[in-house]
Amino acid sequence: MENAFIFLLIFGVLLFLTAASLAFSKDPRQSPLLGRVVGIEKMSKEQARKLAREVAGCVAAVGLALVIYCVIGLVGE
């Protein structure tokens, strides 16, 4: 079970890095992470940045939940 917690911990940290990449992107319209968002090519740069920050917040929240769960799981063993 310890290996699963370590894998999920690494995955949570990678989610944090992804969220940081989205949040600090200069032009999120060119990002492959938002490539499937309908109409992002037609959005202004500021609208795309706002959308990227919203998505980054959600991704960071999931990453934080995974990291907390895994740390508790590893300490509890």
N, C-alpha and C. Protein backbone atom coordinates (compact mmCIF):
# COMPACT_ATOMS: atom_id res chain seq x y z
N MET A 1 0.82 -1.19 0.00
CA MET A 1 0.00 0.00 0.00
C MET A 1 0.87 1.27 0.00
N GLU A 2 2.05 1.14 0.55
CA GLU A 2 2.95 2.29 0.61
C GLU A 2 3.33 2.77 -0.79
N ASN A 3 3.52 1.84 -1.73
CA ASN A 3 3.87 2.23 -3.09
C ASN A 3 2.76 3.04 -3.76
N ALA A 4 1.52 2.69 -3.47
CA ALA A 4 0.39 3.43 -4.04
C ALA A 4 0.37 4.86 -3.50
N PHE A 5 0.63 5.03 -2.21
CA PHE A 5 0.66 6.36 -1.63
C PHE A 5 1.79 7.20 -2.23
N ILE A 6 2.93 6.58 -2.45
CA ILE A 6 4.06 7.31 -3.04
C ILE A 6 3.73 7.73 -4.47
N PHE A 7 3.12 6.82 -5.24
CA PHE A 7 2.73 7.15 -6.61
C PHE A 7 1.72 8.30 -6.62
N LEU A 8 0.72 8.23 -5.77
CA LEU A 8 -0.28 9.29 -5.73
C LEU A 8 0.30 10.60 -5.22
N LEU A 9 1.29 10.53 -4.33
CA LEU A 9 1.96 11.74 -3.86
C LEU A 9 2.70 12.42 -5.01
N ILE A 10 3.39 11.63 -5.82
CA ILE A 10 4.09 12.18 -6.98
C ILE A 10 3.08 12.78 -7.96
N PHE A 11 1.95 12.09 -8.16
CA PHE A 11 0.91 12.60 -9.05
C PHE A 11 0.34 13.92 -8.53
N GLY A 12 0.15 14.04 -7.23
CA GLY A 12 -0.35 15.29 -6.65
C GLY A 12 0.61 16.44 -6.86
N VAL A 13 1.91 16.17 -6.70
CA VAL A 13 2.92 17.21 -6.92
C VAL A 13 2.93 17.63 -8.39
N LEU A 14 2.77 16.66 -9.29
CA LEU A 14 2.71 17.00 -10.71
C LEU A 14 1.47 17.83 -11.05
N LEU A 15 0.38 17.58 -10.35
CA LEU A 15 -0.81 18.41 -10.54
C LEU A 15 -0.54 19.85 -10.10
N PHE A 16 0.22 20.02 -9.01
CA PHE A 16 0.60 21.36 -8.58
C PHE A 16 1.44 22.06 -9.65
N LEU A 17 2.37 21.34 -10.25
CA LEU A 17 3.20 21.93 -11.30
C LEU A 17 2.37 22.31 -12.52
N THR A 18 1.40 21.48 -12.85
CA THR A 18 0.51 21.78 -13.96
C THR A 18 -0.31 23.04 -13.67
N ALA A 19 -0.81 23.13 -12.44
CA ALA A 19 -1.59 24.31 -12.05
C ALA A 19 -0.72 25.57 -12.12
N ALA A 20 0.51 25.47 -11.68
CA ALA A 20 1.42 26.62 -11.74
C ALA A 20 1.68 27.02 -13.20
N SER A 21 1.84 26.03 -14.05
CA SER A 21 2.06 26.31 -15.46
C SER A 21 0.87 27.04 -16.08
N LEU A 22 -0.33 26.62 -15.72
CA LEU A 22 -1.52 27.30 -16.23
C LEU A 22 -1.67 28.69 -15.65
N ALA A 23 -1.44 28.83 -14.37
CA ALA A 23 -1.66 30.12 -13.70
C ALA A 23 -0.69 31.19 -14.18
N PHE A 24 0.53 30.81 -14.50
CA PHE A 24 1.55 31.80 -14.87
C PHE A 24 1.83 31.83 -16.37
N SER A 25 0.97 31.22 -17.16
CA SER A 25 1.15 31.22 -18.61
C SER A 25 0.92 32.62 -19.17
N LYS A 26 1.80 33.05 -20.06
CA LYS A 26 1.66 34.37 -20.66
C LYS A 26 0.51 34.40 -21.67
N ASP A 27 0.38 33.34 -22.44
CA ASP A 27 -0.71 33.24 -23.41
C ASP A 27 -1.31 31.84 -23.35
N PRO A 28 -2.31 31.63 -22.50
CA PRO A 28 -2.88 30.30 -22.33
C PRO A 28 -3.61 29.76 -23.56
N ARG A 29 -3.85 30.63 -24.54
CA ARG A 29 -4.50 30.16 -25.77
C ARG A 29 -3.62 29.19 -26.53
N GLN A 30 -2.31 29.28 -26.33
CA GLN A 30 -1.36 28.41 -27.00
C GLN A 30 -1.01 27.17 -26.18
N SER A 31 -1.55 27.07 -24.99
CA SER A 31 -1.21 25.97 -24.09
C SER A 31 -1.88 24.67 -24.52
N PRO A 32 -1.15 23.57 -24.55
CA PRO A 32 -1.78 22.28 -24.86
C PRO A 32 -2.72 21.82 -23.75
N LEU A 33 -2.59 22.39 -22.57
CA LEU A 33 -3.45 22.00 -21.46
C LEU A 33 -4.88 22.52 -21.62
N LEU A 34 -5.04 23.60 -22.37
CA LEU A 34 -6.37 24.17 -22.62
C LEU A 34 -6.77 24.04 -24.08
N GLY A 35 -6.15 23.16 -24.80
CA GLY A 35 -6.40 23.03 -26.23
C GLY A 35 -7.79 22.57 -26.58
N ARG A 36 -8.47 21.87 -25.68
CA ARG A 36 -9.80 21.35 -25.98
C ARG A 36 -10.93 22.26 -25.52
N VAL A 37 -10.61 23.41 -24.98
CA VAL A 37 -11.64 24.34 -24.55
C VAL A 37 -12.25 24.98 -25.79
N VAL A 38 -13.56 24.86 -25.90
CA VAL A 38 -14.25 25.37 -27.08
C VAL A 38 -14.19 26.89 -27.09
N GLY A 39 -13.72 27.44 -28.20
CA GLY A 39 -13.71 28.88 -28.39
C GLY A 39 -12.54 29.61 -27.77
N ILE A 40 -11.55 28.90 -27.28
CA ILE A 40 -10.43 29.59 -26.63
C ILE A 40 -9.61 30.39 -27.64
N GLU A 41 -9.60 29.97 -28.89
CA GLU A 41 -8.85 30.71 -29.90
C GLU A 41 -9.46 32.09 -30.14
N LYS A 42 -10.76 32.20 -29.94
CA LYS A 42 -11.46 33.46 -30.20
C LYS A 42 -11.50 34.38 -28.98
N MET A 43 -11.10 33.87 -27.82
CA MET A 43 -11.10 34.69 -26.60
C MET A 43 -9.96 35.69 -26.64
N SER A 44 -10.16 36.78 -25.92
CA SER A 44 -9.05 37.73 -25.77
C SER A 44 -8.02 37.12 -24.82
N LYS A 45 -6.87 37.73 -24.80
CA LYS A 45 -5.79 37.22 -23.96
C LYS A 45 -6.17 37.26 -22.48
N GLU A 46 -6.83 38.32 -22.07
CA GLU A 46 -7.24 38.47 -20.66
C GLU A 46 -8.30 37.46 -20.28
N GLN A 47 -9.27 37.21 -21.16
CA GLN A 47 -10.29 36.21 -20.88
C GLN A 47 -9.67 34.82 -20.76
N ALA A 48 -8.72 34.53 -21.64
CA ALA A 48 -8.05 33.24 -21.60
C ALA A 48 -7.23 33.09 -20.31
N ARG A 49 -6.59 34.17 -19.88
CA ARG A 49 -5.84 34.13 -18.61
C ARG A 49 -6.77 33.89 -17.43
N LYS A 50 -7.93 34.55 -17.44
CA LYS A 50 -8.89 34.36 -16.35
C LYS A 50 -9.37 32.91 -16.31
N LEU A 51 -9.68 32.36 -17.47
CA LEU A 51 -10.11 30.96 -17.54
C LEU A 51 -9.00 30.03 -17.08
N ALA A 52 -7.77 30.31 -17.48
CA ALA A 52 -6.63 29.48 -17.09
C ALA A 52 -6.42 29.52 -15.57
N ARG A 53 -6.62 30.67 -14.96
CA ARG A 53 -6.47 30.77 -13.50
C ARG A 53 -7.57 30.00 -12.78
N GLU A 54 -8.79 30.02 -13.32
CA GLU A 54 -9.88 29.26 -12.72
C GLU A 54 -9.60 27.75 -12.79
N VAL A 55 -9.16 27.31 -13.95
CA VAL A 55 -8.83 25.89 -14.13
C VAL A 55 -7.65 25.52 -13.24
N ALA A 56 -6.66 26.39 -13.15
CA ALA A 56 -5.49 26.13 -12.32
C ALA A 56 -5.87 25.99 -10.85
N GLY A 57 -6.81 26.79 -10.40
CA GLY A 57 -7.27 26.69 -9.01
C GLY A 57 -7.91 25.34 -8.73
N CYS A 58 -8.70 24.86 -9.65
CA CYS A 58 -9.34 23.54 -9.47
C CYS A 58 -8.31 22.42 -9.50
N VAL A 59 -7.38 22.51 -10.42
CA VAL A 59 -6.33 21.47 -10.52
C VAL A 59 -5.46 21.48 -9.26
N ALA A 60 -5.14 22.66 -8.76
CA ALA A 60 -4.34 22.77 -7.54
C ALA A 60 -5.10 22.21 -6.33
N ALA A 61 -6.40 22.41 -6.29
CA ALA A 61 -7.20 21.87 -5.18
C ALA A 61 -7.18 20.35 -5.17
N VAL A 62 -7.29 19.75 -6.34
CA VAL A 62 -7.23 18.28 -6.43
C VAL A 62 -5.83 17.80 -6.05
N GLY A 63 -4.80 18.49 -6.50
CA GLY A 63 -3.45 18.12 -6.13
C GLY A 63 -3.22 18.22 -4.63
N LEU A 64 -3.73 19.28 -4.02
CA LEU A 64 -3.60 19.46 -2.57
C LEU A 64 -4.31 18.34 -1.82
N ALA A 65 -5.50 17.98 -2.26
CA ALA A 65 -6.24 16.90 -1.60
C ALA A 65 -5.47 15.59 -1.70
N LEU A 66 -4.89 15.31 -2.85
CA LEU A 66 -4.10 14.07 -3.00
C LEU A 66 -2.87 14.08 -2.11
N VAL A 67 -2.18 15.20 -2.07
CA VAL A 67 -0.97 15.28 -1.25
C VAL A 67 -1.31 15.10 0.23
N ILE A 68 -2.35 15.75 0.70
CA ILE A 68 -2.74 15.62 2.11
C ILE A 68 -3.14 14.19 2.43
N TYR A 69 -3.94 13.59 1.56
CA TYR A 69 -4.37 12.20 1.78
C TYR A 69 -3.18 11.25 1.82
N CYS A 70 -2.24 11.43 0.92
CA CYS A 70 -1.09 10.53 0.86
C CYS A 70 -0.16 10.73 2.05
N VAL A 71 0.03 11.96 2.46
CA VAL A 71 0.90 12.21 3.62
C VAL A 71 0.27 11.58 4.87
N ILE A 72 -1.02 11.73 5.03
CA ILE A 72 -1.71 11.12 6.17
C ILE A 72 -1.60 9.59 6.08
N GLY A 73 -1.76 9.06 4.89
CA GLY A 73 -1.65 7.61 4.71
C GLY A 73 -0.25 7.08 4.99
N LEU A 74 0.77 7.82 4.60
CA LEU A 74 2.14 7.37 4.81
C LEU A 74 2.54 7.51 6.28
N VAL A 75 2.08 8.55 6.95
CA VAL A 75 2.42 8.75 8.35
C VAL A 75 1.68 7.74 9.22
N GLY A 76 0.47 7.40 8.82
CA GLY A 76 -0.36 6.48 9.60
C GLY A 76 0.10 5.03 9.56
N GLU A 77 0.92 4.68 8.58
CA GLU A 77 1.35 3.28 8.47
C GLU A 77 2.39 2.93 9.50
